[in-house]
Amino acid sequence: MRTESAIRCRRGLWDWPAQPTALFGGVYGLLVSSSAVAALTQFGEVTRAARMDDAVWVLFTALASALAHGYAHQIARRDAQGHPGIRGVVRAGLAEWPLVVAALPTTLLLWGAGLGWWHSTGIEYVAFGTNTVLLLGWGLLVSRAAGRTWGRAVRIGGTDALLGVAVALVSTLLK
């Protein structure tokens, strides 16, 4: 027998990925990490030490992107909210945590390659594929949370994944 609070809690967890901050941060974090790993490995070394460095740079790029987005949001809201100062900027930066969390799978894959858990050669392809699957899953989850049918949700998730691949490839080619 389900209680009202258990149903509400489950519904709240299901709706969380569809929130604009989570959706934006998740998608952007996956794209940033895919582009960063592709750019880092395009002409770089594939040694274990190089993969550890790549992991640090992917995480650093995600953190810098989150800080930049938080700061930009704070600047954009300055007139509406007055001048909240440093606390407001820190709060806005911390609100971008989904972006950093979305970059963690790529960071962990590179870190694991650096530790020798798996081969460091070609790990960028595994990271890129993982991020593509995560984009598909995120699109599917958000579509279902919005009440779409399974068929429609799969089409939306697939389109999200294809667009993510295109954006990551274009971003990589421009670097």
N, C-alpha and C. Protein backbone atom coordinates (compact mmCIF):
# COMPACT_ATOMS: atom_id res chain seq x y z
N MET A 1 0.84 -1.17 0.00
CA MET A 1 0.00 0.00 0.00
C MET A 1 0.89 1.24 0.00
N ARG A 2 0.70 2.12 -0.98
CA ARG A 2 1.52 3.32 -1.10
C ARG A 2 0.91 4.47 -0.32
N THR A 3 1.78 5.17 0.35
CA THR A 3 1.31 6.35 1.06
C THR A 3 1.40 7.56 0.13
N GLU A 4 0.68 8.60 0.45
CA GLU A 4 0.68 9.82 -0.35
C GLU A 4 2.07 10.44 -0.41
N SER A 5 2.80 10.46 0.71
CA SER A 5 4.13 11.06 0.72
C SER A 5 5.12 10.24 -0.11
N ALA A 6 5.00 8.91 -0.11
CA ALA A 6 5.88 8.07 -0.92
C ALA A 6 5.64 8.32 -2.40
N ILE A 7 4.40 8.48 -2.80
CA ILE A 7 4.07 8.76 -4.20
C ILE A 7 4.60 10.13 -4.59
N ARG A 8 4.42 11.12 -3.71
CA ARG A 8 4.92 12.48 -3.98
C ARG A 8 6.44 12.48 -4.10
N CYS A 9 7.13 11.75 -3.24
CA CYS A 9 8.59 11.69 -3.26
C CYS A 9 9.06 11.05 -4.56
N ARG A 10 8.43 9.95 -4.94
CA ARG A 10 8.79 9.27 -6.18
C ARG A 10 8.54 10.18 -7.37
N ARG A 11 7.42 10.88 -7.37
CA ARG A 11 7.08 11.79 -8.45
C ARG A 11 8.10 12.93 -8.52
N GLY A 12 8.51 13.44 -7.35
CA GLY A 12 9.49 14.52 -7.31
C GLY A 12 10.84 14.09 -7.89
N LEU A 13 11.26 12.86 -7.59
CA LEU A 13 12.50 12.34 -8.15
C LEU A 13 12.39 12.16 -9.67
N TRP A 14 11.23 11.74 -10.12
CA TRP A 14 11.01 11.52 -11.54
C TRP A 14 11.01 12.85 -12.29
N ASP A 15 10.48 13.91 -11.67
CA ASP A 15 10.40 15.21 -12.31
C ASP A 15 11.71 15.99 -12.26
N TRP A 16 12.62 15.63 -11.34
CA TRP A 16 13.84 16.39 -11.19
C TRP A 16 14.62 16.56 -12.48
N PRO A 17 14.86 15.51 -13.31
CA PRO A 17 15.66 15.70 -14.53
C PRO A 17 15.04 16.68 -15.52
N ALA A 18 13.73 16.90 -15.42
CA ALA A 18 13.06 17.80 -16.35
C ALA A 18 13.15 19.26 -15.91
N GLN A 19 13.68 19.52 -14.73
CA GLN A 19 13.84 20.90 -14.27
C GLN A 19 14.86 21.60 -15.16
N PRO A 20 14.63 22.86 -15.50
CA PRO A 20 15.53 23.55 -16.44
C PRO A 20 17.00 23.54 -16.03
N THR A 21 17.30 23.74 -14.77
CA THR A 21 18.70 23.76 -14.33
C THR A 21 19.34 22.39 -14.49
N ALA A 22 18.63 21.35 -14.10
CA ALA A 22 19.18 20.00 -14.23
C ALA A 22 19.33 19.60 -15.69
N LEU A 23 18.33 19.91 -16.49
CA LEU A 23 18.37 19.55 -17.91
C LEU A 23 19.49 20.30 -18.62
N PHE A 24 19.55 21.60 -18.43
CA PHE A 24 20.60 22.41 -19.05
C PHE A 24 21.98 21.95 -18.60
N GLY A 25 22.15 21.84 -17.29
CA GLY A 25 23.45 21.45 -16.75
C GLY A 25 23.88 20.07 -17.20
N GLY A 26 22.94 19.13 -17.20
CA GLY A 26 23.28 17.78 -17.61
C GLY A 26 23.69 17.69 -19.06
N VAL A 27 22.90 18.28 -19.92
CA VAL A 27 23.21 18.24 -21.35
C VAL A 27 24.49 19.01 -21.63
N TYR A 28 24.61 20.19 -21.07
CA TYR A 28 25.79 21.00 -21.32
C TYR A 28 27.04 20.33 -20.77
N GLY A 29 26.95 19.74 -19.59
CA GLY A 29 28.09 19.05 -19.01
C GLY A 29 28.56 17.88 -19.86
N LEU A 30 27.61 17.13 -20.42
CA LEU A 30 27.98 16.01 -21.30
C LEU A 30 28.65 16.52 -22.57
N LEU A 31 28.14 17.61 -23.13
CA LEU A 31 28.73 18.17 -24.34
C LEU A 31 30.11 18.77 -24.06
N VAL A 32 30.25 19.46 -22.95
CA VAL A 32 31.55 20.04 -22.59
C VAL A 32 32.58 18.94 -22.38
N SER A 33 32.20 17.89 -21.68
CA SER A 33 33.17 16.82 -21.42
C SER A 33 33.52 16.06 -22.69
N SER A 34 32.55 15.85 -23.58
CA SER A 34 32.86 15.18 -24.86
C SER A 34 33.80 16.03 -25.70
N SER A 35 33.51 17.32 -25.78
CA SER A 35 34.36 18.21 -26.57
C SER A 35 35.75 18.32 -25.96
N ALA A 36 35.82 18.40 -24.64
CA ALA A 36 37.12 18.53 -23.98
C ALA A 36 37.97 17.29 -24.18
N VAL A 37 37.39 16.12 -24.02
CA VAL A 37 38.19 14.90 -24.18
C VAL A 37 38.63 14.73 -25.63
N ALA A 38 37.77 15.10 -26.57
CA ALA A 38 38.16 15.01 -27.98
C ALA A 38 39.28 15.98 -28.30
N ALA A 39 39.18 17.20 -27.79
CA ALA A 39 40.22 18.19 -28.04
C ALA A 39 41.54 17.79 -27.36
N LEU A 40 41.46 17.25 -26.17
CA LEU A 40 42.67 16.87 -25.44
C LEU A 40 43.39 15.69 -26.08
N THR A 41 42.63 14.79 -26.68
CA THR A 41 43.25 13.58 -27.22
C THR A 41 43.47 13.63 -28.72
N GLN A 42 43.04 14.71 -29.37
CA GLN A 42 43.16 14.79 -30.82
C GLN A 42 44.61 14.63 -31.28
N PHE A 43 45.53 15.33 -30.63
CA PHE A 43 46.94 15.25 -30.99
C PHE A 43 47.82 14.87 -29.81
N GLY A 44 47.20 14.50 -28.72
CA GLY A 44 47.94 14.25 -27.49
C GLY A 44 48.42 12.82 -27.35
N GLU A 45 49.08 12.60 -26.24
CA GLU A 45 49.59 11.28 -25.92
C GLU A 45 48.47 10.42 -25.33
N VAL A 46 48.67 9.12 -25.36
CA VAL A 46 47.68 8.20 -24.82
C VAL A 46 48.26 7.38 -23.66
N THR A 47 49.32 7.89 -23.05
CA THR A 47 49.92 7.19 -21.91
C THR A 47 49.00 7.30 -20.70
N ARG A 48 49.25 6.48 -19.71
CA ARG A 48 48.44 6.53 -18.49
C ARG A 48 48.56 7.90 -17.81
N ALA A 49 49.76 8.44 -17.77
CA ALA A 49 49.95 9.76 -17.15
C ALA A 49 49.18 10.84 -17.90
N ALA A 50 49.18 10.75 -19.23
CA ALA A 50 48.45 11.73 -20.04
C ALA A 50 46.95 11.63 -19.77
N ARG A 51 46.45 10.41 -19.57
CA ARG A 51 45.02 10.24 -19.29
C ARG A 51 44.65 10.82 -17.92
N MET A 52 45.54 10.72 -16.96
CA MET A 52 45.29 11.34 -15.65
C MET A 52 45.20 12.85 -15.82
N ASP A 53 46.13 13.42 -16.62
CA ASP A 53 46.09 14.85 -16.90
C ASP A 53 44.80 15.23 -17.62
N ASP A 54 44.39 14.41 -18.58
CA ASP A 54 43.14 14.68 -19.31
C ASP A 54 41.94 14.68 -18.37
N ALA A 55 41.93 13.75 -17.42
CA ALA A 55 40.82 13.68 -16.46
C ALA A 55 40.75 14.96 -15.64
N VAL A 56 41.90 15.45 -15.21
CA VAL A 56 41.94 16.69 -14.44
C VAL A 56 41.43 17.85 -15.29
N TRP A 57 41.85 17.90 -16.55
CA TRP A 57 41.43 19.00 -17.42
C TRP A 57 39.95 18.95 -17.75
N VAL A 58 39.39 17.77 -17.93
CA VAL A 58 37.95 17.67 -18.18
C VAL A 58 37.18 18.17 -16.96
N LEU A 59 37.59 17.75 -15.78
CA LEU A 59 36.92 18.21 -14.57
C LEU A 59 37.10 19.72 -14.38
N PHE A 60 38.31 20.22 -14.61
CA PHE A 60 38.58 21.64 -14.50
C PHE A 60 37.73 22.43 -15.50
N THR A 61 37.59 21.93 -16.72
CA THR A 61 36.77 22.60 -17.73
C THR A 61 35.31 22.65 -17.30
N ALA A 62 34.82 21.56 -16.73
CA ALA A 62 33.43 21.55 -16.25
C ALA A 62 33.24 22.54 -15.10
N LEU A 63 34.19 22.57 -14.17
CA LEU A 63 34.10 23.52 -13.05
C LEU A 63 34.16 24.97 -13.55
N ALA A 64 35.06 25.24 -14.49
CA ALA A 64 35.16 26.60 -15.03
C ALA A 64 33.89 26.98 -15.78
N SER A 65 33.32 26.04 -16.52
CA SER A 65 32.07 26.31 -17.24
C SER A 65 30.93 26.58 -16.26
N ALA A 66 30.86 25.81 -15.19
CA ALA A 66 29.82 26.02 -14.17
C ALA A 66 29.98 27.38 -13.52
N LEU A 67 31.19 27.74 -13.20
CA LEU A 67 31.44 29.05 -12.60
C LEU A 67 31.06 30.17 -13.57
N ALA A 68 31.44 30.02 -14.82
CA ALA A 68 31.11 31.04 -15.83
C ALA A 68 29.60 31.18 -16.00
N HIS A 69 28.90 30.05 -16.06
CA HIS A 69 27.44 30.11 -16.20
C HIS A 69 26.78 30.71 -14.96
N GLY A 70 27.24 30.31 -13.81
CA GLY A 70 26.69 30.88 -12.58
C GLY A 70 26.91 32.37 -12.50
N TYR A 71 28.10 32.80 -12.85
CA TYR A 71 28.43 34.22 -12.82
C TYR A 71 27.58 34.99 -13.85
N ALA A 72 27.44 34.42 -15.05
CA ALA A 72 26.62 35.07 -16.08
C ALA A 72 25.16 35.19 -15.64
N HIS A 73 24.64 34.14 -15.01
CA HIS A 73 23.26 34.21 -14.50
C HIS A 73 23.14 35.29 -13.43
N GLN A 74 24.15 35.37 -12.57
CA GLN A 74 24.12 36.37 -11.51
C GLN A 74 24.15 37.78 -12.10
N ILE A 75 24.98 38.01 -13.09
CA ILE A 75 25.06 39.31 -13.73
C ILE A 75 23.74 39.64 -14.41
N ALA A 76 23.14 38.65 -15.07
CA ALA A 76 21.87 38.87 -15.77
C ALA A 76 20.74 39.23 -14.82
N ARG A 77 20.79 38.72 -13.59
CA ARG A 77 19.73 38.98 -12.61
C ARG A 77 20.04 40.15 -11.68
N ARG A 78 21.15 40.78 -11.86
CA ARG A 78 21.59 41.83 -10.94
C ARG A 78 20.56 42.94 -10.79
N ASP A 79 20.00 43.43 -11.89
CA ASP A 79 19.04 44.53 -11.82
C ASP A 79 17.77 44.11 -11.08
N ALA A 80 17.33 42.88 -11.29
CA ALA A 80 16.09 42.41 -10.66
C ALA A 80 16.28 42.14 -9.17
N GLN A 81 17.46 41.75 -8.74
CA GLN A 81 17.68 41.35 -7.36
C GLN A 81 18.53 42.32 -6.56
N GLY A 82 18.88 43.43 -7.13
CA GLY A 82 19.79 44.33 -6.42
C GLY A 82 21.22 43.88 -6.61
N HIS A 83 22.07 44.09 -5.63
CA HIS A 83 23.47 43.72 -5.70
C HIS A 83 23.80 42.75 -4.56
N PRO A 84 23.59 41.45 -4.78
CA PRO A 84 23.79 40.48 -3.70
C PRO A 84 25.24 40.23 -3.32
N GLY A 85 26.20 40.65 -4.13
CA GLY A 85 27.60 40.51 -3.78
C GLY A 85 28.14 39.11 -3.98
N ILE A 86 29.22 38.83 -3.25
CA ILE A 86 29.95 37.57 -3.39
C ILE A 86 29.07 36.36 -3.09
N ARG A 87 28.25 36.46 -2.04
CA ARG A 87 27.38 35.33 -1.68
C ARG A 87 26.47 34.95 -2.84
N GLY A 88 25.93 35.94 -3.51
CA GLY A 88 25.05 35.67 -4.65
C GLY A 88 25.78 34.98 -5.79
N VAL A 89 27.00 35.41 -6.05
CA VAL A 89 27.80 34.79 -7.10
C VAL A 89 28.14 33.35 -6.73
N VAL A 90 28.52 33.12 -5.48
CA VAL A 90 28.84 31.76 -5.02
C VAL A 90 27.59 30.88 -5.12
N ARG A 91 26.45 31.40 -4.67
CA ARG A 91 25.20 30.64 -4.75
C ARG A 91 24.85 30.29 -6.20
N ALA A 92 25.01 31.28 -7.10
CA ALA A 92 24.71 31.03 -8.51
C ALA A 92 25.66 29.99 -9.10
N GLY A 93 26.93 30.04 -8.70
CA GLY A 93 27.89 29.04 -9.18
C GLY A 93 27.57 27.65 -8.67
N LEU A 94 27.18 27.55 -7.40
CA LEU A 94 26.83 26.25 -6.82
C LEU A 94 25.56 25.67 -7.44
N ALA A 95 24.69 26.53 -7.93
CA ALA A 95 23.46 26.06 -8.57
C ALA A 95 23.74 25.35 -9.89
N GLU A 96 24.94 25.50 -10.40
CA GLU A 96 25.32 24.86 -11.67
C GLU A 96 25.92 23.47 -11.47
N TRP A 97 25.72 22.86 -10.30
CA TRP A 97 26.32 21.57 -10.01
C TRP A 97 25.92 20.46 -11.00
N PRO A 98 24.72 20.48 -11.62
CA PRO A 98 24.43 19.40 -12.58
C PRO A 98 25.42 19.36 -13.75
N LEU A 99 25.97 20.50 -14.13
CA LEU A 99 26.95 20.54 -15.20
C LEU A 99 28.20 19.75 -14.81
N VAL A 100 28.66 19.95 -13.59
CA VAL A 100 29.86 19.26 -13.11
C VAL A 100 29.58 17.77 -12.94
N VAL A 101 28.44 17.42 -12.40
CA VAL A 101 28.08 16.01 -12.21
C VAL A 101 28.02 15.29 -13.56
N ALA A 102 27.51 15.96 -14.58
CA ALA A 102 27.41 15.34 -15.90
C ALA A 102 28.78 15.06 -16.52
N ALA A 103 29.80 15.79 -16.10
CA ALA A 103 31.15 15.57 -16.62
C ALA A 103 31.88 14.45 -15.87
N LEU A 104 31.32 13.98 -14.77
CA LEU A 104 32.01 12.96 -13.97
C LEU A 104 32.20 11.62 -14.68
N PRO A 105 31.24 11.11 -15.47
CA PRO A 105 31.52 9.83 -16.14
C PRO A 105 32.76 9.89 -17.04
N THR A 106 32.91 10.97 -17.79
CA THR A 106 34.09 11.11 -18.65
C THR A 106 35.35 11.22 -17.80
N THR A 107 35.27 12.02 -16.74
CA THR A 107 36.41 12.18 -15.85
C THR A 107 36.82 10.83 -15.25
N LEU A 108 35.84 10.06 -14.80
CA LEU A 108 36.13 8.75 -14.20
C LEU A 108 36.69 7.76 -15.21
N LEU A 109 36.20 7.79 -16.44
CA LEU A 109 36.75 6.91 -17.48
C LEU A 109 38.22 7.24 -17.74
N LEU A 110 38.53 8.51 -17.86
CA LEU A 110 39.92 8.91 -18.10
C LEU A 110 40.80 8.60 -16.89
N TRP A 111 40.27 8.86 -15.71
CA TRP A 111 41.01 8.58 -14.48
C TRP A 111 41.29 7.08 -14.36
N GLY A 112 40.27 6.26 -14.66
CA GLY A 112 40.47 4.81 -14.62
C GLY A 112 41.52 4.35 -15.61
N ALA A 113 41.54 4.96 -16.79
CA ALA A 113 42.58 4.63 -17.77
C ALA A 113 43.95 5.05 -17.25
N GLY A 114 43.98 6.18 -16.56
CA GLY A 114 45.24 6.64 -15.99
C GLY A 114 45.74 5.73 -14.88
N LEU A 115 44.82 5.11 -14.16
CA LEU A 115 45.21 4.18 -13.09
C LEU A 115 45.50 2.78 -13.61
N GLY A 116 45.24 2.56 -14.90
CA GLY A 116 45.51 1.25 -15.49
C GLY A 116 44.37 0.25 -15.34
N TRP A 117 43.19 0.72 -14.98
CA TRP A 117 42.04 -0.18 -14.86
C TRP A 117 41.62 -0.72 -16.22
N TRP A 118 41.88 0.04 -17.26
CA TRP A 118 41.61 -0.38 -18.64
C TRP A 118 42.60 0.33 -19.54
N HIS A 119 42.62 -0.05 -20.80
CA HIS A 119 43.57 0.53 -21.74
C HIS A 119 43.33 2.03 -21.92
N SER A 120 44.43 2.77 -21.99
CA SER A 120 44.29 4.21 -22.17
C SER A 120 44.14 4.58 -23.64
N THR A 121 44.56 3.70 -24.53
CA THR A 121 44.40 3.95 -25.95
C THR A 121 42.94 3.74 -26.34
N GLY A 122 42.37 4.74 -26.95
CA GLY A 122 40.98 4.65 -27.43
C GLY A 122 39.92 4.95 -26.38
N ILE A 123 40.32 5.33 -25.18
CA ILE A 123 39.33 5.58 -24.14
C ILE A 123 38.45 6.78 -24.49
N GLU A 124 38.96 7.68 -25.33
CA GLU A 124 38.14 8.83 -25.73
C GLU A 124 36.90 8.38 -26.50
N TYR A 125 37.01 7.30 -27.24
CA TYR A 125 35.85 6.78 -27.97
C TYR A 125 34.82 6.19 -27.01
N VAL A 126 35.32 5.53 -25.99
CA VAL A 126 34.43 4.98 -24.96
C VAL A 126 33.71 6.12 -24.24
N ALA A 127 34.45 7.17 -23.90
CA ALA A 127 33.86 8.32 -23.22
C ALA A 127 32.82 8.99 -24.11
N PHE A 128 33.14 9.16 -25.37
CA PHE A 128 32.22 9.78 -26.31
C PHE A 128 30.95 8.93 -26.46
N GLY A 129 31.12 7.62 -26.57
CA GLY A 129 29.96 6.72 -26.66
C GLY A 129 29.13 6.73 -25.39
N THR A 130 29.79 6.75 -24.25
CA THR A 130 29.08 6.81 -22.96
C THR A 130 28.26 8.09 -22.86
N ASN A 131 28.86 9.20 -23.24
CA ASN A 131 28.13 10.47 -23.19
C ASN A 131 26.95 10.50 -24.16
N THR A 132 27.11 9.86 -25.31
CA THR A 132 26.01 9.78 -26.27
C THR A 132 24.85 8.97 -25.70
N VAL A 133 25.17 7.85 -25.07
CA VAL A 133 24.13 7.02 -24.44
C VAL A 133 23.47 7.78 -23.29
N LEU A 134 24.26 8.54 -22.53
CA LEU A 134 23.69 9.34 -21.44
C LEU A 134 22.77 10.43 -21.98
N LEU A 135 23.12 11.05 -23.10
CA LEU A 135 22.23 12.04 -23.73
C LEU A 135 20.92 11.38 -24.17
N LEU A 136 21.02 10.20 -24.75
CA LEU A 136 19.82 9.46 -25.14
C LEU A 136 18.97 9.17 -23.91
N GLY A 137 19.59 8.68 -22.85
CA GLY A 137 18.87 8.36 -21.62
C GLY A 137 18.24 9.58 -20.99
N TRP A 138 18.96 10.69 -20.99
CA TRP A 138 18.42 11.92 -20.39
C TRP A 138 17.21 12.40 -21.18
N GLY A 139 17.32 12.38 -22.51
CA GLY A 139 16.19 12.78 -23.35
C GLY A 139 14.98 11.89 -23.14
N LEU A 140 15.23 10.59 -23.01
CA LEU A 140 14.15 9.63 -22.76
C LEU A 140 13.50 9.88 -21.41
N LEU A 141 14.31 10.06 -20.39
CA LEU A 141 13.81 10.28 -19.03
C LEU A 141 13.00 11.57 -18.93
N VAL A 142 13.51 12.64 -19.51
CA VAL A 142 12.81 13.92 -19.46
C VAL A 142 11.50 13.85 -20.24
N SER A 143 11.53 13.17 -21.37
CA SER A 143 10.31 13.03 -22.18
C SER A 143 9.24 12.24 -21.44
N ARG A 144 9.66 11.19 -20.77
CA ARG A 144 8.69 10.39 -19.99
C ARG A 144 8.16 11.20 -18.81
N ALA A 145 9.04 11.98 -18.16
CA ALA A 145 8.60 12.82 -17.05
C ALA A 145 7.60 13.87 -17.52
N ALA A 146 7.72 14.29 -18.79
CA ALA A 146 6.79 15.27 -19.36
C ALA A 146 5.50 14.63 -19.85
N GLY A 147 5.38 13.30 -19.71
CA GLY A 147 4.14 12.61 -20.07
C GLY A 147 4.09 12.08 -21.49
N ARG A 148 5.20 12.08 -22.19
CA ARG A 148 5.22 11.55 -23.56
C ARG A 148 5.12 10.03 -23.53
N THR A 149 4.63 9.46 -24.62
CA THR A 149 4.57 8.01 -24.74
C THR A 149 5.99 7.46 -24.88
N TRP A 150 6.14 6.15 -24.69
CA TRP A 150 7.46 5.54 -24.81
C TRP A 150 8.02 5.73 -26.21
N GLY A 151 7.19 5.54 -27.23
CA GLY A 151 7.65 5.70 -28.61
C GLY A 151 8.15 7.10 -28.88
N ARG A 152 7.37 8.08 -28.47
CA ARG A 152 7.76 9.48 -28.66
C ARG A 152 9.01 9.80 -27.84
N ALA A 153 9.09 9.28 -26.63
CA ALA A 153 10.25 9.53 -25.77
C ALA A 153 11.52 8.95 -26.38
N VAL A 154 11.44 7.78 -26.98
CA VAL A 154 12.60 7.17 -27.63
C VAL A 154 13.04 8.02 -28.81
N ARG A 155 12.09 8.52 -29.59
CA ARG A 155 12.44 9.38 -30.73
C ARG A 155 13.10 10.68 -30.26
N ILE A 156 12.57 11.25 -29.20
CA ILE A 156 13.15 12.50 -28.67
C ILE A 156 14.54 12.22 -28.12
N GLY A 157 14.70 11.15 -27.35
CA GLY A 157 16.02 10.81 -26.82
C GLY A 157 17.03 10.53 -27.92
N GLY A 158 16.60 9.83 -28.97
CA GLY A 158 17.49 9.56 -30.10
C GLY A 158 17.91 10.83 -30.81
N THR A 159 16.96 11.74 -30.98
CA THR A 159 17.28 13.03 -31.60
C THR A 159 18.24 13.82 -30.72
N ASP A 160 18.01 13.80 -29.41
CA ASP A 160 18.93 14.48 -28.49
C ASP A 160 20.34 13.92 -28.62
N ALA A 161 20.45 12.60 -28.69
CA ALA A 161 21.76 11.97 -28.81
C ALA A 161 22.44 12.36 -30.13
N LEU A 162 21.69 12.33 -31.23
CA LEU A 162 22.26 12.70 -32.52
C LEU A 162 22.70 14.17 -32.56
N LEU A 163 21.88 15.04 -32.00
CA LEU A 163 22.26 16.46 -31.94
C LEU A 163 23.48 16.65 -31.05
N GLY A 164 23.55 15.91 -29.96
CA GLY A 164 24.72 15.99 -29.09
C GLY A 164 25.98 15.55 -29.80
N VAL A 165 25.90 14.48 -30.59
CA VAL A 165 27.05 14.02 -31.37
C VAL A 165 27.46 15.10 -32.36
N ALA A 166 26.49 15.69 -33.04
CA ALA A 166 26.79 16.74 -34.02
C ALA A 166 27.45 17.95 -33.36
N VAL A 167 26.92 18.39 -32.23
CA VAL A 167 27.50 19.54 -31.53
C VAL A 167 28.91 19.24 -31.06
N ALA A 168 29.13 18.06 -30.50
CA ALA A 168 30.47 17.69 -30.02
C ALA A 168 31.46 17.61 -31.18
N LEU A 169 31.02 17.05 -32.31
CA LEU A 169 31.92 16.95 -33.47
C LEU A 169 32.27 18.32 -34.03
N VAL A 170 31.28 19.17 -34.17
CA VAL A 170 31.53 20.52 -34.68
C VAL A 170 32.44 21.29 -33.72
N SER A 171 32.17 21.17 -32.44
CA SER A 171 33.00 21.84 -31.43
C SER A 171 34.44 21.35 -31.50
N THR A 172 34.61 20.07 -31.69
CA THR A 172 35.95 19.49 -31.77
C THR A 172 36.67 19.95 -33.05
N LEU A 173 35.95 20.00 -34.14
CA LEU A 173 36.57 20.42 -35.41
C LEU A 173 36.98 21.90 -35.36
N LEU A 174 36.26 22.70 -34.60
CA LEU A 174 36.57 24.12 -34.49
C LEU A 174 37.79 24.38 -33.61
N LYS A 175 38.15 23.43 -32.77
CA LYS A 175 39.29 23.64 -31.85
C LYS A 175 40.52 23.35 -32.57
